[in-house]
Amino acid sequence: MSRRCELTGKGPMSGNNVSHAKNRTRRRFLPNLNETTLQSEALGRGFKLRISAAALRSVDHRGGLDKFLAKAKDTELSDNALKIKKAIAKSGAQAEALS
């Protein structure tokens, strides 16, 4: 499983450990990933995603998974998140056609 956020695309960064004597050794900064279940209001079910803590705050700020995915760029989303986004768009189009 890759260490990449499924919604924002955040991944590992590299840098240096710096000791008191200023010795530098390479290290990796890993994103704070959490396995969470986010509810989709349009589809009426939950989706299990591996997202960063920052992405979870962004989802809450924008008002839920549906609204977050509507504004998200397709290049940043994982394959799983893209499928969810397309299913939400399809269900919205069907709801508009029926009303």
PDB file of N, CA and C in Angstrom:
ATOM      1  N   MET A   1       0.843  -1.174   0.000  1.00  0.00           N
ATOM      2  CA  MET A   1       0.000   0.000   0.000  1.00  0.00           C
ATOM      3  C   MET A   1       0.891   1.241   0.000  1.00  0.00           C
ATOM      4  N   SER A   2       0.651   2.160  -0.912  1.00  0.00           N
ATOM      5  CA  SER A   2       1.507   3.335  -0.996  1.00  0.00           C
ATOM      6  C   SER A   2       1.176   4.332   0.110  1.00  0.00           C
ATOM      7  N   ARG A   3       2.164   5.098   0.458  1.00  0.00           N
ATOM      8  CA  ARG A   3       1.998   6.120   1.492  1.00  0.00           C
ATOM      9  C   ARG A   3       1.602   7.434   0.818  1.00  0.00           C
ATOM     10  N   ARG A   4       0.394   7.447   0.246  1.00  0.00           N
ATOM     11  CA  ARG A   4      -0.085   8.621  -0.455  1.00  0.00           C
ATOM     12  C   ARG A   4      -1.553   8.842  -0.111  1.00  0.00           C
ATOM     13  N   CYS A   5      -1.912  10.089   0.152  1.00  0.00           N
ATOM     14  CA  CYS A   5      -3.295  10.433   0.473  1.00  0.00           C
ATOM     15  C   CYS A   5      -4.156  10.249  -0.773  1.00  0.00           C
ATOM     16  N   GLU A   6      -5.322   9.604  -0.619  1.00  0.00           N
ATOM     17  CA  GLU A   6      -6.183   9.325  -1.761  1.00  0.00           C
ATOM     18  C   GLU A   6      -6.937  10.555  -2.252  1.00  0.00           C
ATOM     19  N   LEU A   7      -7.074  11.584  -1.423  1.00  0.00           N
ATOM     20  CA  LEU A   7      -7.829  12.764  -1.824  1.00  0.00           C
ATOM     21  C   LEU A   7      -6.953  13.934  -2.244  1.00  0.00           C
ATOM     22  N   THR A   8      -5.833  14.155  -1.566  1.00  0.00           N
ATOM     23  CA  THR A   8      -4.998  15.316  -1.867  1.00  0.00           C
ATOM     24  C   THR A   8      -3.731  14.961  -2.620  1.00  0.00           C
ATOM     25  N   GLY A   9      -3.349  13.687  -2.648  1.00  0.00           N
ATOM     26  CA  GLY A   9      -2.141  13.280  -3.333  1.00  0.00           C
ATOM     27  C   GLY A   9      -0.861  13.533  -2.559  1.00  0.00           C
ATOM     28  N   LYS A  10      -0.968  13.910  -1.287  1.00  0.00           N
ATOM     29  CA  LYS A  10       0.231  14.146  -0.489  1.00  0.00           C
ATOM     30  C   LYS A  10       0.992  12.852  -0.302  1.00  0.00           C
ATOM     31  N   GLY A  11       2.315  12.917  -0.469  1.00  0.00           N
ATOM     32  CA  GLY A  11       3.154  11.748  -0.326  1.00  0.00           C
ATOM     33  C   GLY A  11       4.382  12.064   0.513  1.00  0.00           C
ATOM     34  N   PRO A  12       5.318  11.109   0.609  1.00  0.00           N
ATOM     35  CA  PRO A  12       6.525  11.330   1.397  1.00  0.00           C
ATOM     36  C   PRO A  12       7.404  12.429   0.804  1.00  0.00           C
ATOM     37  N   MET A  13       8.067  13.165   1.687  1.00  0.00           N
ATOM     38  CA  MET A  13       9.063  14.158   1.282  1.00  0.00           C
ATOM     39  C   MET A  13      10.395  13.727   1.873  1.00  0.00           C
ATOM     40  N   SER A  14      11.476  14.223   1.328  1.00  0.00           N
ATOM     41  CA  SER A  14      12.785  13.863   1.857  1.00  0.00           C
ATOM     42  C   SER A  14      13.464  15.104   2.420  1.00  0.00           C
ATOM     43  N   GLY A  15      14.376  14.858   3.352  1.00  0.00           N
ATOM     44  CA  GLY A  15      15.098  15.949   3.988  1.00  0.00           C
ATOM     45  C   GLY A  15      16.272  15.407   4.765  1.00  0.00           C
ATOM     46  N   ASN A  16      16.716  16.149   5.737  1.00  0.00           N
ATOM     47  CA  ASN A  16      17.883  15.777   6.525  1.00  0.00           C
ATOM     48  C   ASN A  16      17.553  15.687   8.007  1.00  0.00           C
ATOM     49  N   ASN A  17      18.141  14.703   8.700  1.00  0.00           N
ATOM     50  CA  ASN A  17      18.249  14.741  10.144  1.00  0.00           C
ATOM     51  C   ASN A  17      19.489  15.576  10.442  1.00  0.00           C
ATOM     52  N   VAL A  18      19.379  16.554  11.304  1.00  0.00           N
ATOM     53  CA  VAL A  18      20.526  17.391  11.628  1.00  0.00           C
ATOM     54  C   VAL A  18      20.825  17.214  13.106  1.00  0.00           C
ATOM     55  N   SER A  19      22.037  16.718  13.396  1.00  0.00           N
ATOM     56  CA  SER A  19      22.427  16.491  14.785  1.00  0.00           C
ATOM     57  C   SER A  19      22.917  17.801  15.408  1.00  0.00           C
ATOM     58  N   HIS A  20      23.203  17.741  16.698  1.00  0.00           N
ATOM     59  CA  HIS A  20      23.716  18.911  17.409  1.00  0.00           C
ATOM     60  C   HIS A  20      25.045  19.378  16.808  1.00  0.00           C
ATOM     61  N   ALA A  21      25.831  18.434  16.294  1.00  0.00           N
ATOM     62  CA  ALA A  21      27.121  18.754  15.674  1.00  0.00           C
ATOM     63  C   ALA A  21      26.964  19.110  14.195  1.00  0.00           C
ATOM     64  N   LYS A  22      25.722  19.294  13.751  1.00  0.00           N
ATOM     65  CA  LYS A  22      25.382  19.648  12.369  1.00  0.00           C
ATOM     66  C   LYS A  22      25.733  18.555  11.355  1.00  0.00           C
ATOM     67  N   ASN A  23      25.788  17.295  11.797  1.00  0.00           N
ATOM     68  CA  ASN A  23      25.934  16.173  10.868  1.00  0.00           C
ATOM     69  C   ASN A  23      24.581  15.941  10.208  1.00  0.00           C
ATOM     70  N   ARG A  24      24.600  15.778   8.894  1.00  0.00           N
ATOM     71  CA  ARG A  24      23.344  15.610   8.160  1.00  0.00           C
ATOM     72  C   ARG A  24      23.250  14.204   7.569  1.00  0.00           C
ATOM     73  N   THR A  25      22.126  13.560   7.834  1.00  0.00           N
ATOM     74  CA  THR A  25      21.826  12.259   7.232  1.00  0.00           C
ATOM     75  C   THR A  25      20.440  12.346   6.615  1.00  0.00           C
ATOM     76  N   ARG A  26      20.247  11.653   5.513  1.00  0.00           N
ATOM     77  CA  ARG A  26      18.977  11.738   4.794  1.00  0.00           C
ATOM     78  C   ARG A  26      17.875  11.004   5.563  1.00  0.00           C
ATOM     79  N   ARG A  27      16.664  11.523   5.441  1.00  0.00           N
ATOM     80  CA  ARG A  27      15.498  10.905   6.068  1.00  0.00           C
ATOM     81  C   ARG A  27      14.276  11.189   5.225  1.00  0.00           C
ATOM     82  N   ARG A  28      13.156  10.526   5.567  1.00  0.00           N
ATOM     83  CA  ARG A  28      11.881  10.742   4.881  1.00  0.00           C
ATOM     84  C   ARG A  28      10.863  11.294   5.854  1.00  0.00           C
ATOM     85  N   PHE A  29      10.089  12.260   5.380  1.00  0.00           N
ATOM     86  CA  PHE A  29       8.965  12.790   6.146  1.00  0.00           C
ATOM     87  C   PHE A  29       7.702  12.161   5.567  1.00  0.00           C
ATOM     88  N   LEU A  30       7.038  11.320   6.342  1.00  0.00           N
ATOM     89  CA  LEU A  30       5.860  10.611   5.859  1.00  0.00           C
ATOM     90  C   LEU A  30       4.589  11.375   6.216  1.00  0.00           C
ATOM     91  N   PRO A  31       3.576  11.354   5.356  1.00  0.00           N
ATOM     92  CA  PRO A  31       2.318  12.029   5.674  1.00  0.00           C
ATOM     93  C   PRO A  31       1.565  11.289   6.783  1.00  0.00           C
ATOM     94  N   ASN A  32       0.756  12.027   7.519  1.00  0.00           N
ATOM     95  CA  ASN A  32      -0.036  11.467   8.616  1.00  0.00           C
ATOM     96  C   ASN A  32      -1.305  10.856   8.033  1.00  0.00           C
ATOM     97  N   LEU A  33      -1.226   9.582   7.615  1.00  0.00           N
ATOM     98  CA  LEU A  33      -2.348   8.914   6.957  1.00  0.00           C
ATOM     99  C   LEU A  33      -3.206   8.158   7.962  1.00  0.00           C
ATOM    100  N   ASN A  34      -4.513   8.239   7.766  1.00  0.00           N
ATOM    101  CA  ASN A  34      -5.476   7.539   8.603  1.00  0.00           C
ATOM    102  C   ASN A  34      -6.490   6.834   7.711  1.00  0.00           C
ATOM    103  N   GLU A  35      -6.885   5.640   8.120  1.00  0.00           N
ATOM    104  CA  GLU A  35      -7.930   4.897   7.405  1.00  0.00           C
ATOM    105  C   GLU A  35      -9.268   5.344   7.986  1.00  0.00           C
ATOM    106  N   THR A  36     -10.059   6.062   7.185  1.00  0.00           N
ATOM    107  CA  THR A  36     -11.327   6.579   7.675  1.00  0.00           C
ATOM    108  C   THR A  36     -12.455   6.188   6.727  1.00  0.00           C
ATOM    109  N   THR A  37     -13.658   6.137   7.265  1.00  0.00           N
ATOM    110  CA  THR A  37     -14.847   5.900   6.463  1.00  0.00           C
ATOM    111  C   THR A  37     -15.600   7.213   6.342  1.00  0.00           C
ATOM    112  N   LEU A  38     -15.727   7.703   5.119  1.00  0.00           N
ATOM    113  CA  LEU A  38     -16.433   8.957   4.856  1.00  0.00           C
ATOM    114  C   LEU A  38     -17.774   8.643   4.210  1.00  0.00           C
ATOM    115  N   GLN A  39     -18.813   9.348   4.666  1.00  0.00           N
ATOM    116  CA  GLN A  39     -20.163   9.112   4.180  1.00  0.00           C
ATOM    117  C   GLN A  39     -20.470  10.014   2.991  1.00  0.00           C
ATOM    118  N   SER A  40     -21.050   9.434   1.950  1.00  0.00           N
ATOM    119  CA  SER A  40     -21.516  10.189   0.800  1.00  0.00           C
ATOM    120  C   SER A  40     -23.026  10.388   0.937  1.00  0.00           C
ATOM    121  N   GLU A  41     -23.453  11.646   0.939  1.00  0.00           N
ATOM    122  CA  GLU A  41     -24.884  11.935   1.066  1.00  0.00           C
ATOM    123  C   GLU A  41     -25.625  11.589  -0.225  1.00  0.00           C
ATOM    124  N   ALA A  42     -24.994  11.818  -1.362  1.00  0.00           N
ATOM    125  CA  ALA A  42     -25.649  11.562  -2.647  1.00  0.00           C
ATOM    126  C   ALA A  42     -25.861  10.069  -2.885  1.00  0.00           C
ATOM    127  N   LEU A  43     -24.871   9.258  -2.495  1.00  0.00           N
ATOM    128  CA  LEU A  43     -24.973   7.813  -2.729  1.00  0.00           C
ATOM    129  C   LEU A  43     -25.553   7.065  -1.536  1.00  0.00           C
ATOM    130  N   GLY A  44     -25.592   7.697  -0.379  1.00  0.00           N
ATOM    131  CA  GLY A  44     -26.188   7.083   0.800  1.00  0.00           C
ATOM    132  C   GLY A  44     -25.390   5.936   1.388  1.00  0.00           C
ATOM    133  N   ARG A  45     -24.073   5.973   1.252  1.00  0.00           N
ATOM    134  CA  ARG A  45     -23.236   4.918   1.822  1.00  0.00           C
ATOM    135  C   ARG A  45     -21.870   5.481   2.188  1.00  0.00           C
ATOM    136  N   GLY A  46     -21.096   4.672   2.902  1.00  0.00           N
ATOM    137  CA  GLY A  46     -19.771   5.090   3.333  1.00  0.00           C
ATOM    138  C   GLY A  46     -18.688   4.494   2.461  1.00  0.00           C
ATOM    139  N   PHE A  47     -17.561   5.193   2.381  1.00  0.00           N
ATOM    140  CA  PHE A  47     -16.411   4.731   1.615  1.00  0.00           C
ATOM    141  C   PHE A  47     -15.183   4.771   2.503  1.00  0.00           C
ATOM    142  N   LYS A  48     -14.425   3.670   2.495  1.00  0.00           N
ATOM    143  CA  LYS A  48     -13.220   3.570   3.306  1.00  0.00           C
ATOM    144  C   LYS A  48     -12.052   4.121   2.492  1.00  0.00           C
ATOM    145  N   LEU A  49     -11.419   5.180   2.992  1.00  0.00           N
ATOM    146  CA  LEU A  49     -10.319   5.830   2.294  1.00  0.00           C
ATOM    147  C   LEU A  49      -9.133   6.003   3.224  1.00  0.00           C
ATOM    148  N   ARG A  50      -7.940   6.016   2.656  1.00  0.00           N
ATOM    149  CA  ARG A  50      -6.717   6.269   3.422  1.00  0.00           C
ATOM    150  C   ARG A  50      -6.286   7.701   3.115  1.00  0.00           C
ATOM    151  N   ILE A  51      -6.614   8.628   4.029  1.00  0.00           N
ATOM    152  CA  ILE A  51      -6.375  10.043   3.764  1.00  0.00           C
ATOM    153  C   ILE A  51      -5.547  10.663   4.877  1.00  0.00           C
ATOM    154  N   SER A  52      -4.948  11.811   4.589  1.00  0.00           N
ATOM    155  CA  SER A  52      -4.136  12.523   5.570  1.00  0.00           C
ATOM    156  C   SER A  52      -5.051  13.294   6.524  1.00  0.00           C
ATOM    157  N   ALA A  53      -4.497  13.665   7.671  1.00  0.00           N
ATOM    158  CA  ALA A  53      -5.255  14.433   8.657  1.00  0.00           C
ATOM    159  C   ALA A  53      -5.649  15.792   8.088  1.00  0.00           C
ATOM    160  N   ALA A  54      -4.780  16.383   7.272  1.00  0.00           N
ATOM    161  CA  ALA A  54      -5.087  17.670   6.649  1.00  0.00           C
ATOM    162  C   ALA A  54      -6.258  17.526   5.675  1.00  0.00           C
ATOM    163  N   ALA A  55      -6.314  16.417   4.943  1.00  0.00           N
ATOM    164  CA  ALA A  55      -7.418  16.182   4.006  1.00  0.00           C
ATOM    165  C   ALA A  55      -8.729  15.988   4.758  1.00  0.00           C
ATOM    166  N   LEU A  56      -8.676  15.333   5.909  1.00  0.00           N
ATOM    167  CA  LEU A  56      -9.883  15.137   6.715  1.00  0.00           C
ATOM    168  C   LEU A  56     -10.450  16.473   7.176  1.00  0.00           C
ATOM    169  N   ARG A  57      -9.572  17.394   7.577  1.00  0.00           N
ATOM    170  CA  ARG A  57     -10.016  18.738   7.972  1.00  0.00           C
ATOM    171  C   ARG A  57     -10.594  19.480   6.773  1.00  0.00           C
ATOM    172  N   SER A  58      -9.995  19.300   5.596  1.00  0.00           N
ATOM    173  CA  SER A  58     -10.494  19.959   4.387  1.00  0.00           C
ATOM    174  C   SER A  58     -11.876  19.440   4.006  1.00  0.00           C
ATOM    175  N   VAL A  59     -12.093  18.137   4.155  1.00  0.00           N
ATOM    176  CA  VAL A  59     -13.405  17.550   3.861  1.00  0.00           C
ATOM    177  C   VAL A  59     -14.450  18.138   4.803  1.00  0.00           C
ATOM    178  N   ASP A  60     -14.126  18.243   6.086  1.00  0.00           N
ATOM    179  CA  ASP A  60     -15.059  18.830   7.049  1.00  0.00           C
ATOM    180  C   ASP A  60     -15.324  20.301   6.732  1.00  0.00           C
ATOM    181  N   HIS A  61     -14.284  21.026   6.334  1.00  0.00           N
ATOM    182  CA  HIS A  61     -14.411  22.462   6.056  1.00  0.00           C
ATOM    183  C   HIS A  61     -15.310  22.715   4.846  1.00  0.00           C
ATOM    184  N   ARG A  62     -15.177  21.876   3.821  1.00  0.00           N
ATOM    185  CA  ARG A  62     -15.964  22.061   2.598  1.00  0.00           C
ATOM    186  C   ARG A  62     -17.383  21.533   2.717  1.00  0.00           C
ATOM    187  N   GLY A  63     -17.682  20.774   3.766  1.00  0.00           N
ATOM    188  CA  GLY A  63     -19.055  20.339   3.977  1.00  0.00           C
ATOM    189  C   GLY A  63     -19.347  18.911   3.586  1.00  0.00           C
ATOM    190  N   GLY A  64     -18.349  18.045   3.569  1.00  0.00           N
ATOM    191  CA  GLY A  64     -18.589  16.638   3.299  1.00  0.00           C
ATOM    192  C   GLY A  64     -17.831  16.143   2.085  1.00  0.00           C
ATOM    193  N   LEU A  65     -17.872  14.826   1.937  1.00  0.00           N
ATOM    194  CA  LEU A  65     -17.126  14.167   0.857  1.00  0.00           C
ATOM    195  C   LEU A  65     -17.618  14.592  -0.518  1.00  0.00           C
ATOM    196  N   ASP A  66     -18.923  14.710  -0.694  1.00  0.00           N
ATOM    197  CA  ASP A  66     -19.487  15.056  -2.001  1.00  0.00           C
ATOM    198  C   ASP A  66     -18.999  16.422  -2.473  1.00  0.00           C
ATOM    199  N   LYS A  67     -19.048  17.401  -1.600  1.00  0.00           N
ATOM    200  CA  LYS A  67     -18.633  18.758  -1.969  1.00  0.00           C
ATOM    201  C   LYS A  67     -17.121  18.842  -2.159  1.00  0.00           C
ATOM    202  N   PHE A  68     -16.372  18.077  -1.366  1.00  0.00           N
ATOM    203  CA  PHE A  68     -14.916  18.072  -1.528  1.00  0.00           C
ATOM    204  C   PHE A  68     -14.530  17.519  -2.895  1.00  0.00           C
ATOM    205  N   LEU A  69     -15.133  16.391  -3.271  1.00  0.00           N
ATOM    206  CA  LEU A  69     -14.794  15.763  -4.550  1.00  0.00           C
ATOM    207  C   LEU A  69     -15.250  16.600  -5.736  1.00  0.00           C
ATOM    208  N   ALA A  70     -16.318  17.367  -5.564  1.00  0.00           N
ATOM    209  CA  ALA A  70     -16.801  18.215  -6.661  1.00  0.00           C
ATOM    210  C   ALA A  70     -15.769  19.278  -7.018  1.00  0.00           C
ATOM    211  N   LYS A  71     -15.039  19.782  -6.019  1.00  0.00           N
ATOM    212  CA  LYS A  71     -14.046  20.834  -6.266  1.00  0.00           C
ATOM    213  C   LYS A  71     -12.642  20.283  -6.495  1.00  0.00           C
ATOM    214  N   ALA A  72     -12.408  19.012  -6.207  1.00  0.00           N
ATOM    215  CA  ALA A  72     -11.060  18.442  -6.285  1.00  0.00           C
ATOM    216  C   ALA A  72     -10.635  18.237  -7.738  1.00  0.00           C
ATOM    217  N   LYS A  73      -9.324  18.390  -7.975  1.00  0.00           N
ATOM    218  CA  LYS A  73      -8.765  18.150  -9.305  1.00  0.00           C
ATOM    219  C   LYS A  73      -8.601  16.647  -9.516  1.00  0.00           C
ATOM    220  N   ASP A  74      -8.906  16.200 -10.720  1.00  0.00           N
ATOM    221  CA  ASP A  74      -8.826  14.771 -11.024  1.00  0.00           C
ATOM    222  C   ASP A  74      -7.396  14.243 -10.957  1.00  0.00           C
ATOM    223  N   THR A  75      -6.404  15.092 -11.210  1.00  0.00           N
ATOM    224  CA  THR A  75      -5.009  14.647 -11.202  1.00  0.00           C
ATOM    225  C   THR A  75      -4.522  14.302  -9.805  1.00  0.00           C
ATOM    226  N   GLU A  76      -5.110  14.917  -8.767  1.00  0.00           N
ATOM    227  CA  GLU A  76      -4.688  14.661  -7.392  1.00  0.00           C
ATOM    228  C   GLU A  76      -5.362  13.437  -6.791  1.00  0.00           C
ATOM    229  N   LEU A  77      -6.515  13.046  -7.325  1.00  0.00           N
ATOM    230  CA  LEU A  77      -7.292  11.962  -6.742  1.00  0.00           C
ATOM    231  C   LEU A  77      -6.751  10.598  -7.150  1.00  0.00           C
ATOM    232  N   SER A  78      -6.929   9.611  -6.264  1.00  0.00           N
ATOM    233  CA  SER A  78      -6.554   8.232  -6.587  1.00  0.00           C
ATOM    234  C   SER A  78      -7.626   7.628  -7.487  1.00  0.00           C
ATOM    235  N   ASP A  79      -7.353   6.432  -7.999  1.00  0.00           N
ATOM    236  CA  ASP A  79      -8.327   5.753  -8.868  1.00  0.00           C
ATOM    237  C   ASP A  79      -9.631   5.489  -8.125  1.00  0.00           C
ATOM    238  N   ASN A  80      -9.518   5.079  -6.862  1.00  0.00           N
ATOM    239  CA  ASN A  80     -10.694   4.793  -6.044  1.00  0.00           C
ATOM    240  C   ASN A  80     -11.533   6.061  -5.847  1.00  0.00           C
ATOM    241  N   ALA A  81     -10.869   7.180  -5.538  1.00  0.00           N
ATOM    242  CA  ALA A  81     -11.578   8.441  -5.324  1.00  0.00           C
ATOM    243  C   ALA A  81     -12.214   8.940  -6.620  1.00  0.00           C
ATOM    244  N   LEU A  82     -11.563   8.707  -7.755  1.00  0.00           N
ATOM    245  CA  LEU A  82     -12.150   9.107  -9.039  1.00  0.00           C
ATOM    246  C   LEU A  82     -13.430   8.343  -9.335  1.00  0.00           C
ATOM    247  N   LYS A  83     -13.452   7.049  -9.008  1.00  0.00           N
ATOM    248  CA  LYS A  83     -14.667   6.259  -9.199  1.00  0.00           C
ATOM    249  C   LYS A  83     -15.812   6.800  -8.350  1.00  0.00           C
ATOM    250  N   ILE A  84     -15.485   7.180  -7.107  1.00  0.00           N
ATOM    251  CA  ILE A  84     -16.505   7.736  -6.214  1.00  0.00           C
ATOM    252  C   ILE A  84     -17.023   9.057  -6.775  1.00  0.00           C
ATOM    253  N   LYS A  85     -16.108   9.901  -7.262  1.00  0.00           N
ATOM    254  CA  LYS A  85     -16.496  11.211  -7.811  1.00  0.00           C
ATOM    255  C   LYS A  85     -17.426  11.045  -9.011  1.00  0.00           C
ATOM    256  N   LYS A  86     -17.106  10.100  -9.889  1.00  0.00           N
ATOM    257  CA  LYS A  86     -17.940   9.878 -11.077  1.00  0.00           C
ATOM    258  C   LYS A  86     -19.299   9.304 -10.699  1.00  0.00           C
ATOM    259  N   ALA A  87     -19.340   8.443  -9.680  1.00  0.00           N
ATOM    260  CA  ALA A  87     -20.620   7.881  -9.229  1.00  0.00           C
ATOM    261  C   ALA A  87     -21.501   8.967  -8.615  1.00  0.00           C
ATOM    262  N   ILE A  88     -20.890   9.897  -7.886  1.00  0.00           N
ATOM    263  CA  ILE A  88     -21.649  11.005  -7.291  1.00  0.00           C
ATOM    264  C   ILE A  88     -22.195  11.912  -8.385  1.00  0.00           C
ATOM    265  N   ALA A  89     -21.362  12.210  -9.386  1.00  0.00           N
ATOM    266  CA  ALA A  89     -21.818  13.056 -10.495  1.00  0.00           C
ATOM    267  C   ALA A  89     -22.947  12.384 -11.266  1.00  0.00           C
ATOM    268  N   LYS A  90     -22.842  11.072 -11.458  1.00  0.00           N
ATOM    269  CA  LYS A  90     -23.882  10.335 -12.176  1.00  0.00           C
ATOM    270  C   LYS A  90     -25.198  10.328 -11.399  1.00  0.00           C
ATOM    271  N   SER A  91     -25.121  10.138 -10.079  1.00  0.00           N
ATOM    272  CA  SER A  91     -26.351  10.122  -9.274  1.00  0.00           C
ATOM    273  C   SER A  91     -26.989  11.508  -9.245  1.00  0.00           C
ATOM    274  N   GLY A  92     -26.166  12.568  -9.261  1.00  0.00           N
ATOM    275  CA  GLY A  92     -26.702  13.933  -9.306  1.00  0.00           C
ATOM    276  C   GLY A  92     -27.391  14.217 -10.618  1.00  0.00           C
ATOM    277  N   ALA A  93     -26.827  13.717 -11.715  1.00  0.00           N
ATOM    278  CA  ALA A  93     -27.439  13.915 -13.029  1.00  0.00           C
ATOM    279  C   ALA A  93     -28.766  13.164 -13.124  1.00  0.00           C
ATOM    280  N   GLN A  94     -28.829  11.957 -12.525  1.00  0.00           N
ATOM    281  CA  GLN A  94     -30.077  11.197 -12.541  1.00  0.00           C
ATOM    282  C   GLN A  94     -31.138  11.892 -11.693  1.00  0.00           C
ATOM    283  N   ALA A  95     -30.742  12.472 -10.564  1.00  0.00           N
ATOM    284  CA  ALA A  95     -31.702  13.159  -9.711  1.00  0.00           C
ATOM    285  C   ALA A  95     -32.273  14.392 -10.401  1.00  0.00           C
ATOM    286  N   GLU A  96     -31.413  15.107 -11.169  1.00  0.00           N
ATOM    287  CA  GLU A  96     -31.894  16.288 -11.894  1.00  0.00           C
ATOM    288  C   GLU A  96     -32.832  15.893 -13.031  1.00  0.00           C
ATOM    289  N   ALA A  97     -32.560  14.759 -13.675  1.00  0.00           N
ATOM    290  CA  ALA A  97     -33.402  14.305 -14.774  1.00  0.00           C
ATOM    291  C   ALA A  97     -34.788  13.891 -14.293  1.00  0.00           C
ATOM    292  N   LEU A  98     -34.850  13.320 -13.088  1.00  0.00           N
ATOM    293  CA  LEU A  98     -36.134  12.882 -12.554  1.00  0.00           C
ATOM    294  C   LEU A  98     -36.991  14.037 -12.057  1.00  0.00           C
ATOM    295  N   SER A  99     -36.374  15.118 -11.642  1.00  0.00           N
ATOM    296  CA  SER A  99     -37.176  16.248 -11.097  1.00  0.00           C
ATOM    297  C   SER A  99     -37.485  17.292 -12.131  1.00  0.00           C
TER     298      SER A  99
END
